Amino acid sequence: MAVLSVSVVSADREVWSGEANMVVATTVEGEIGILPGHEPLLAILGSGEVRITLAGGEKIVADASEGFLSVENNTVQVVASQAELV
């Protein structure tokens, strides 16, 4: 089964990176869910949570704002001016 390679970074550091089955993020247009095989995408982040679901069902939650989310070839990058795990 395909997985996503995910990285969440803030302006000054990497907050989290690893493999996941799903990412849900808050954009300026609402929430978006990303699964393996998603079409390429570039979205502007809104202030809110980025929820990452790992293969075992464990969830990682980061609070992120002012940045963007990109998806290409099962790689998800969340780049925010401010981000931290909650």
PDB file of N, CA and C in Angstrom:
ATOM      1  N   MET A   1       0.839  -1.182   0.000  1.00  0.00           N
ATOM      2  CA  MET A   1       0.000   0.000   0.000  1.00  0.00           C
ATOM      3  C   MET A   1       0.886   1.247   0.000  1.00  0.00           C
ATOM      4  N   ALA A   2       0.494   2.230  -0.776  1.00  0.00           N
ATOM      5  CA  ALA A   2       1.262   3.475  -0.857  1.00  0.00           C
ATOM      6  C   ALA A   2       1.102   4.275   0.435  1.00  0.00           C
ATOM      7  N   VAL A   3       2.128   5.015   0.760  1.00  0.00           N
ATOM      8  CA  VAL A   3       2.093   5.901   1.923  1.00  0.00           C
ATOM      9  C   VAL A   3       2.523   7.293   1.490  1.00  0.00           C
ATOM     10  N   LEU A   4       2.277   8.246   2.359  1.00  0.00           N
ATOM     11  CA  LEU A   4       2.704   9.622   2.130  1.00  0.00           C
ATOM     12  C   LEU A   4       3.994   9.885   2.882  1.00  0.00           C
ATOM     13  N   SER A   5       4.887  10.608   2.272  1.00  0.00           N
ATOM     14  CA  SER A   5       6.078  11.114   2.949  1.00  0.00           C
ATOM     15  C   SER A   5       5.740  12.549   3.344  1.00  0.00           C
ATOM     16  N   VAL A   6       5.701  12.806   4.645  1.00  0.00           N
ATOM     17  CA  VAL A   6       5.193  14.082   5.153  1.00  0.00           C
ATOM     18  C   VAL A   6       6.276  14.835   5.910  1.00  0.00           C
ATOM     19  N   SER A   7       6.342  16.150   5.693  1.00  0.00           N
ATOM     20  CA  SER A   7       7.206  16.989   6.519  1.00  0.00           C
ATOM     21  C   SER A   7       6.449  18.267   6.872  1.00  0.00           C
ATOM     22  N   VAL A   8       6.573  18.645   8.136  1.00  0.00           N
ATOM     23  CA  VAL A   8       5.979  19.878   8.645  1.00  0.00           C
ATOM     24  C   VAL A   8       7.136  20.722   9.160  1.00  0.00           C
ATOM     25  N   VAL A   9       7.319  21.896   8.569  1.00  0.00           N
ATOM     26  CA  VAL A   9       8.424  22.766   8.980  1.00  0.00           C
ATOM     27  C   VAL A   9       7.901  24.162   9.291  1.00  0.00           C
ATOM     28  N   SER A  10       8.557  24.794  10.244  1.00  0.00           N
ATOM     29  CA  SER A  10       8.282  26.198  10.544  1.00  0.00           C
ATOM     30  C   SER A  10       9.453  27.012  10.003  1.00  0.00           C
ATOM     31  N   ALA A  11       9.411  28.293  10.221  1.00  0.00           N
ATOM     32  CA  ALA A  11      10.449  29.170   9.681  1.00  0.00           C
ATOM     33  C   ALA A  11      11.844  28.813  10.191  1.00  0.00           C
ATOM     34  N   ASP A  12      11.935  28.263  11.394  1.00  0.00           N
ATOM     35  CA  ASP A  12      13.248  28.040  11.986  1.00  0.00           C
ATOM     36  C   ASP A  12      13.623  26.589  12.256  1.00  0.00           C
ATOM     37  N   ARG A  13      12.677  25.628  12.002  1.00  0.00           N
ATOM     38  CA  ARG A  13      13.032  24.232  12.309  1.00  0.00           C
ATOM     39  C   ARG A  13      12.038  23.252  11.685  1.00  0.00           C
ATOM     40  N   GLU A  14      12.466  21.999  11.618  1.00  0.00           N
ATOM     41  CA  GLU A  14      11.556  20.934  11.211  1.00  0.00           C
ATOM     42  C   GLU A  14      10.756  20.512  12.435  1.00  0.00           C
ATOM     43  N   VAL A  15       9.454  20.515  12.331  1.00  0.00           N
ATOM     44  CA  VAL A  15       8.576  20.170  13.449  1.00  0.00           C
ATOM     45  C   VAL A  15       8.334  18.670  13.506  1.00  0.00           C
ATOM     46  N   TRP A  16       8.071  18.038  12.335  1.00  0.00           N
ATOM     47  CA  TRP A  16       7.856  16.600  12.280  1.00  0.00           C
ATOM     48  C   TRP A  16       8.040  16.122  10.844  1.00  0.00           C
ATOM     49  N   SER A  17       8.548  14.907  10.679  1.00  0.00           N
ATOM     50  CA  SER A  17       8.593  14.291   9.355  1.00  0.00           C
ATOM     51  C   SER A  17       8.500  12.780   9.523  1.00  0.00           C
ATOM     52  N   GLY A  18       7.930  12.148   8.517  1.00  0.00           N
ATOM     53  CA  GLY A  18       7.788  10.705   8.551  1.00  0.00           C
ATOM     54  C   GLY A  18       6.773  10.244   7.527  1.00  0.00           C
ATOM     55  N   GLU A  19       6.386   8.964   7.640  1.00  0.00           N
ATOM     56  CA  GLU A  19       5.412   8.399   6.720  1.00  0.00           C
ATOM     57  C   GLU A  19       4.036   8.383   7.363  1.00  0.00           C
ATOM     58  N   ALA A  20       3.010   8.585   6.547  1.00  0.00           N
ATOM     59  CA  ALA A  20       1.641   8.634   7.049  1.00  0.00           C
ATOM     60  C   ALA A  20       0.676   8.076   6.016  1.00  0.00           C
ATOM     61  N   ASN A  21      -0.525   7.745   6.485  1.00  0.00           N
ATOM     62  CA  ASN A  21      -1.589   7.278   5.600  1.00  0.00           C
ATOM     63  C   ASN A  21      -2.499   8.409   5.155  1.00  0.00           C
ATOM     64  N   MET A  22      -2.594   9.479   5.967  1.00  0.00           N
ATOM     65  CA  MET A  22      -3.497  10.578   5.641  1.00  0.00           C
ATOM     66  C   MET A  22      -3.031  11.859   6.325  1.00  0.00           C
ATOM     67  N   VAL A  23      -3.278  12.996   5.646  1.00  0.00           N
ATOM     68  CA  VAL A  23      -3.021  14.318   6.217  1.00  0.00           C
ATOM     69  C   VAL A  23      -4.276  15.158   6.007  1.00  0.00           C
ATOM     70  N   VAL A  24      -4.712  15.826   7.064  1.00  0.00           N
ATOM     71  CA  VAL A  24      -5.829  16.771   6.973  1.00  0.00           C
ATOM     72  C   VAL A  24      -5.302  18.113   7.443  1.00  0.00           C
ATOM     73  N   ALA A  25      -5.482  19.146   6.625  1.00  0.00           N
ATOM     74  CA  ALA A  25      -4.948  20.469   6.960  1.00  0.00           C
ATOM     75  C   ALA A  25      -6.012  21.536   6.743  1.00  0.00           C
ATOM     76  N   THR A  26      -5.873  22.639   7.483  1.00  0.00           N
ATOM     77  CA  THR A  26      -6.762  23.782   7.333  1.00  0.00           C
ATOM     78  C   THR A  26      -6.145  24.749   6.339  1.00  0.00           C
ATOM     79  N   THR A  27      -6.874  25.033   5.265  1.00  0.00           N
ATOM     80  CA  THR A  27      -6.425  26.008   4.270  1.00  0.00           C
ATOM     81  C   THR A  27      -7.346  27.218   4.342  1.00  0.00           C
ATOM     82  N   VAL A  28      -7.032  28.256   3.587  1.00  0.00           N
ATOM     83  CA  VAL A  28      -7.879  29.448   3.585  1.00  0.00           C
ATOM     84  C   VAL A  28      -9.238  29.158   2.958  1.00  0.00           C
ATOM     85  N   GLU A  29      -9.367  28.048   2.231  1.00  0.00           N
ATOM     86  CA  GLU A  29     -10.634  27.677   1.610  1.00  0.00           C
ATOM     87  C   GLU A  29     -11.360  26.575   2.372  1.00  0.00           C
ATOM     88  N   GLY A  30     -10.828  26.150   3.514  1.00  0.00           N
ATOM     89  CA  GLY A  30     -11.434  25.090   4.317  1.00  0.00           C
ATOM     90  C   GLY A  30     -10.474  23.936   4.519  1.00  0.00           C
ATOM     91  N   GLU A  31     -10.970  22.864   5.136  1.00  0.00           N
ATOM     92  CA  GLU A  31     -10.121  21.696   5.381  1.00  0.00           C
ATOM     93  C   GLU A  31      -9.956  20.882   4.116  1.00  0.00           C
ATOM     94  N   ILE A  32      -8.775  20.269   3.996  1.00  0.00           N
ATOM     95  CA  ILE A  32      -8.496  19.399   2.862  1.00  0.00           C
ATOM     96  C   ILE A  32      -7.861  18.122   3.390  1.00  0.00           C
ATOM     97  N   GLY A  33      -8.270  16.997   2.842  1.00  0.00           N
ATOM     98  CA  GLY A  33      -7.707  15.705   3.196  1.00  0.00           C
ATOM     99  C   GLY A  33      -6.832  15.191   2.061  1.00  0.00           C
ATOM    100  N   ILE A  34      -5.683  14.661   2.423  1.00  0.00           N
ATOM    101  CA  ILE A  34      -4.729  14.147   1.439  1.00  0.00           C
ATOM    102  C   ILE A  34      -4.502  12.662   1.718  1.00  0.00           C
ATOM    103  N   LEU A  35      -4.723  11.840   0.712  1.00  0.00           N
ATOM    104  CA  LEU A  35      -4.444  10.405   0.778  1.00  0.00           C
ATOM    105  C   LEU A  35      -3.395  10.065  -0.279  1.00  0.00           C
ATOM    106  N   PRO A  36      -2.737   8.894  -0.172  1.00  0.00           N
ATOM    107  CA  PRO A  36      -1.789   8.503  -1.216  1.00  0.00           C
ATOM    108  C   PRO A  36      -2.457   8.529  -2.591  1.00  0.00           C
ATOM    109  N   GLY A  37      -1.728   8.998  -3.587  1.00  0.00           N
ATOM    110  CA  GLY A  37      -2.243   9.092  -4.941  1.00  0.00           C
ATOM    111  C   GLY A  37      -2.938  10.406  -5.246  1.00  0.00           C
ATOM    112  N   HIS A  38      -2.936  11.337  -4.298  1.00  0.00           N
ATOM    113  CA  HIS A  38      -3.596  12.632  -4.503  1.00  0.00           C
ATOM    114  C   HIS A  38      -2.937  13.386  -5.654  1.00  0.00           C
ATOM    115  N   GLU A  39      -3.738  14.111  -6.402  1.00  0.00           N
ATOM    116  CA  GLU A  39      -3.233  14.945  -7.487  1.00  0.00           C
ATOM    117  C   GLU A  39      -2.303  16.029  -6.935  1.00  0.00           C
ATOM    118  N   PRO A  40      -1.356  16.522  -7.719  1.00  0.00           N
ATOM    119  CA  PRO A  40      -0.507  17.629  -7.267  1.00  0.00           C
ATOM    120  C   PRO A  40      -1.363  18.822  -6.855  1.00  0.00           C
ATOM    121  N   LEU A  41      -0.924  19.500  -5.795  1.00  0.00           N
ATOM    122  CA  LEU A  41      -1.719  20.563  -5.205  1.00  0.00           C
ATOM    123  C   LEU A  41      -0.808  21.559  -4.509  1.00  0.00           C
ATOM    124  N   LEU A  42      -1.191  22.816  -4.562  1.00  0.00           N
ATOM    125  CA  LEU A  42      -0.532  23.861  -3.773  1.00  0.00           C
ATOM    126  C   LEU A  42      -1.655  24.666  -3.142  1.00  0.00           C
ATOM    127  N   ALA A  43      -1.654  24.768  -1.807  1.00  0.00           N
ATOM    128  CA  ALA A  43      -2.722  25.468  -1.092  1.00  0.00           C
ATOM    129  C   ALA A  43      -2.120  26.394  -0.046  1.00  0.00           C
ATOM    130  N   ILE A  44      -2.808  27.493   0.225  1.00  0.00           N
ATOM    131  CA  ILE A  44      -2.385  28.440   1.257  1.00  0.00           C
ATOM    132  C   ILE A  44      -2.976  27.981   2.578  1.00  0.00           C
ATOM    133  N   LEU A  45      -2.115  27.868   3.603  1.00  0.00           N
ATOM    134  CA  LEU A  45      -2.576  27.446   4.924  1.00  0.00           C
ATOM    135  C   LEU A  45      -3.394  28.539   5.589  1.00  0.00           C
ATOM    136  N   GLY A  46      -4.448  28.115   6.268  1.00  0.00           N
ATOM    137  CA  GLY A  46      -5.137  28.984   7.193  1.00  0.00           C
ATOM    138  C   GLY A  46      -4.610  28.655   8.579  1.00  0.00           C
ATOM    139  N   SER A  47      -4.951  29.436   9.572  1.00  0.00           N
ATOM    140  CA  SER A  47      -4.534  29.114  10.937  1.00  0.00           C
ATOM    141  C   SER A  47      -5.351  27.935  11.430  1.00  0.00           C
ATOM    142  N   GLY A  48      -4.677  26.911  11.926  1.00  0.00           N
ATOM    143  CA  GLY A  48      -5.391  25.747  12.437  1.00  0.00           C
ATOM    144  C   GLY A  48      -4.519  24.524  12.506  1.00  0.00           C
ATOM    145  N   GLU A  49      -5.185  23.392  12.630  1.00  0.00           N
ATOM    146  CA  GLU A  49      -4.491  22.135  12.826  1.00  0.00           C
ATOM    147  C   GLU A  49      -4.097  21.464  11.514  1.00  0.00           C
ATOM    148  N   VAL A  50      -2.974  20.763  11.591  1.00  0.00           N
ATOM    149  CA  VAL A  50      -2.577  19.801  10.569  1.00  0.00           C
ATOM    150  C   VAL A  50      -2.590  18.457  11.292  1.00  0.00           C
ATOM    151  N   ARG A  51      -3.494  17.556  10.863  1.00  0.00           N
ATOM    152  CA  ARG A  51      -3.642  16.254  11.505  1.00  0.00           C
ATOM    153  C   ARG A  51      -3.062  15.182  10.598  1.00  0.00           C
ATOM    154  N   ILE A  52      -2.124  14.418  11.157  1.00  0.00           N
ATOM    155  CA  ILE A  52      -1.412  13.390  10.399  1.00  0.00           C
ATOM    156  C   ILE A  52      -1.755  12.040  11.010  1.00  0.00           C
ATOM    157  N   THR A  53      -2.279  11.124  10.191  1.00  0.00           N
ATOM    158  CA  THR A  53      -2.625   9.778  10.666  1.00  0.00           C
ATOM    159  C   THR A  53      -1.562   8.799  10.195  1.00  0.00           C
ATOM    160  N   LEU A  54      -0.926   8.137  11.156  1.00  0.00           N
ATOM    161  CA  LEU A  54       0.130   7.180  10.859  1.00  0.00           C
ATOM    162  C   LEU A  54      -0.471   5.820  10.524  1.00  0.00           C
ATOM    163  N   ALA A  55       0.357   4.904  10.040  1.00  0.00           N
ATOM    164  CA  ALA A  55      -0.103   3.584   9.599  1.00  0.00           C
ATOM    165  C   ALA A  55      -0.818   2.819  10.710  1.00  0.00           C
ATOM    166  N   GLY A  56      -0.374   2.933  11.931  1.00  0.00           N
ATOM    167  CA  GLY A  56      -0.986   2.208  13.046  1.00  0.00           C
ATOM    168  C   GLY A  56      -2.218   2.889  13.615  1.00  0.00           C
ATOM    169  N   GLY A  57      -2.626   4.010  13.038  1.00  0.00           N
ATOM    170  CA  GLY A  57      -3.796   4.736  13.528  1.00  0.00           C
ATOM    171  C   GLY A  57      -3.451   5.872  14.477  1.00  0.00           C
ATOM    172  N   GLU A  58      -2.187   5.948  14.917  1.00  0.00           N
ATOM    173  CA  GLU A  58      -1.766   7.035  15.804  1.00  0.00           C
ATOM    174  C   GLU A  58      -1.882   8.365  15.062  1.00  0.00           C
ATOM    175  N   LYS A  59      -2.234   9.419  15.790  1.00  0.00           N
ATOM    176  CA  LYS A  59      -2.382  10.734  15.167  1.00  0.00           C
ATOM    177  C   LYS A  59      -1.358  11.716  15.736  1.00  0.00           C
ATOM    178  N   ILE A  60      -0.777  12.498  14.837  1.00  0.00           N
ATOM    179  CA  ILE A  60       0.121  13.591  15.188  1.00  0.00           C
ATOM    180  C   ILE A  60      -0.633  14.870  14.835  1.00  0.00           C
ATOM    181  N   VAL A  61      -0.654  15.828  15.751  1.00  0.00           N
ATOM    182  CA  VAL A  61      -1.362  17.087  15.492  1.00  0.00           C
ATOM    183  C   VAL A  61      -0.386  18.240  15.674  1.00  0.00           C
ATOM    184  N   ALA A  62      -0.354  19.115  14.670  1.00  0.00           N
ATOM    185  CA  ALA A  62       0.472  20.319  14.736  1.00  0.00           C
ATOM    186  C   ALA A  62      -0.429  21.527  14.521  1.00  0.00           C
ATOM    187  N   ASP A  63      -0.131  22.589  15.209  1.00  0.00           N
ATOM    188  CA  ASP A  63      -0.825  23.853  15.009  1.00  0.00           C
ATOM    189  C   ASP A  63       0.059  24.677  14.072  1.00  0.00           C
ATOM    190  N   ALA A  64      -0.489  25.087  12.923  1.00  0.00           N
ATOM    191  CA  ALA A  64       0.325  25.782  11.921  1.00  0.00           C
ATOM    192  C   ALA A  64      -0.430  26.982  11.373  1.00  0.00           C
ATOM    193  N   SER A  65       0.330  28.007  10.969  1.00  0.00           N
ATOM    194  CA  SER A  65      -0.307  29.188  10.366  1.00  0.00           C
ATOM    195  C   SER A  65       0.660  29.887   9.423  1.00  0.00           C
ATOM    196  N   GLU A  66       0.075  30.655   8.504  1.00  0.00           N
ATOM    197  CA  GLU A  66       0.832  31.506   7.577  1.00  0.00           C
ATOM    198  C   GLU A  66       1.873  30.739   6.785  1.00  0.00           C
ATOM    199  N   GLY A  67       1.403  29.996   5.815  1.00  0.00           N
ATOM    200  CA  GLY A  67       2.317  29.244   4.973  1.00  0.00           C
ATOM    201  C   GLY A  67       1.576  28.558   3.851  1.00  0.00           C
ATOM    202  N   PHE A  68       2.110  27.418   3.419  1.00  0.00           N
ATOM    203  CA  PHE A  68       1.464  26.692   2.330  1.00  0.00           C
ATOM    204  C   PHE A  68       1.635  25.194   2.520  1.00  0.00           C
ATOM    205  N   LEU A  69       0.842  24.449   1.766  1.00  0.00           N
ATOM    206  CA  LEU A  69       0.890  23.000   1.742  1.00  0.00           C
ATOM    207  C   LEU A  69       1.065  22.592   0.285  1.00  0.00           C
ATOM    208  N   SER A  70       2.007  21.706   0.027  1.00  0.00           N
ATOM    209  CA  SER A  70       2.178  21.217  -1.343  1.00  0.00           C
ATOM    210  C   SER A  70       2.121  19.694  -1.343  1.00  0.00           C
ATOM    211  N   VAL A  71       1.559  19.157  -2.421  1.00  0.00           N
ATOM    212  CA  VAL A  71       1.442  17.710  -2.597  1.00  0.00           C
ATOM    213  C   VAL A  71       1.950  17.372  -3.989  1.00  0.00           C
ATOM    214  N   GLU A  72       2.854  16.410  -4.065  1.00  0.00           N
ATOM    215  CA  GLU A  72       3.328  15.922  -5.361  1.00  0.00           C
ATOM    216  C   GLU A  72       3.993  14.568  -5.155  1.00  0.00           C
ATOM    217  N   ASN A  73       3.606  13.586  -5.960  1.00  0.00           N
ATOM    218  CA  ASN A  73       4.187  12.240  -5.922  1.00  0.00           C
ATOM    219  C   ASN A  73       4.203  11.640  -4.519  1.00  0.00           C
ATOM    220  N   ASN A  74       3.072  11.687  -3.826  1.00  0.00           N
ATOM    221  CA  ASN A  74       2.920  11.146  -2.470  1.00  0.00           C
ATOM    222  C   ASN A  74       3.836  11.813  -1.448  1.00  0.00           C
ATOM    223  N   THR A  75       4.273  13.032  -1.740  1.00  0.00           N
ATOM    224  CA  THR A  75       5.056  13.819  -0.799  1.00  0.00           C
ATOM    225  C   THR A  75       4.238  15.040  -0.404  1.00  0.00           C
ATOM    226  N   VAL A  76       4.049  15.214   0.900  1.00  0.00           N
ATOM    227  CA  VAL A  76       3.287  16.345   1.425  1.00  0.00           C
ATOM    228  C   VAL A  76       4.236  17.213   2.238  1.00  0.00           C
ATOM    229  N   GLN A  77       4.334  18.476   1.868  1.00  0.00           N
ATOM    230  CA  GLN A  77       5.164  19.423   2.608  1.00  0.00           C
ATOM    231  C   GLN A  77       4.277  20.523   3.152  1.00  0.00           C
ATOM    232  N   VAL A  78       4.357  20.733   4.452  1.00  0.00           N
ATOM    233  CA  VAL A  78       3.649  21.834   5.100  1.00  0.00           C
ATOM    234  C   VAL A  78       4.724  22.806   5.567  1.00  0.00           C
ATOM    235  N   VAL A  79       4.706  24.008   5.000  1.00  0.00           N
ATOM    236  CA  VAL A  79       5.702  25.037   5.327  1.00  0.00           C
ATOM    237  C   VAL A  79       4.936  26.204   5.952  1.00  0.00           C
ATOM    238  N   ALA A  80       5.227  26.492   7.205  1.00  0.00           N
ATOM    239  CA  ALA A  80       4.497  27.535   7.922  1.00  0.00           C
ATOM    240  C   ALA A  80       5.468  28.489   8.602  1.00  0.00           C
ATOM    241  N   SER A  81       5.048  29.731   8.772  1.00  0.00           N
ATOM    242  CA  SER A  81       5.903  30.660   9.505  1.00  0.00           C
ATOM    243  C   SER A  81       5.938  30.263  10.983  1.00  0.00           C
ATOM    244  N   GLN A  82       4.824  29.695  11.468  1.00  0.00           N
ATOM    245  CA  GLN A  82       4.768  29.211  12.853  1.00  0.00           C
ATOM    246  C   GLN A  82       4.110  27.836  12.847  1.00  0.00           C
ATOM    247  N   ALA A  83       4.748  26.877  13.489  1.00  0.00           N
ATOM    248  CA  ALA A  83       4.185  25.530  13.615  1.00  0.00           C
ATOM    249  C   ALA A  83       4.764  24.859  14.853  1.00  0.00           C
ATOM    250  N   GLU A  84       3.912  24.133  15.556  1.00  0.00           N
ATOM    251  CA  GLU A  84       4.368  23.367  16.730  1.00  0.00           C
ATOM    252  C   GLU A  84       3.428  22.210  16.977  1.00  0.00           C
ATOM    253  N   LEU A  85       3.964  21.133  17.529  1.00  0.00           N
ATOM    254  CA  LEU A  85       3.137  19.970  17.872  1.00  0.00           C
ATOM    255  C   LEU A  85       2.282  20.322  19.075  1.00  0.00           C
ATOM    256  N   VAL A  86       1.066  19.792  19.085  1.00  0.00           N
ATOM    257  CA  VAL A  86       0.161  20.021  20.220  1.00  0.00           C
ATOM    258  C   VAL A  86      -0.200  18.713  20.875  1.00  0.00           C
TER     259      VAL A  86
END
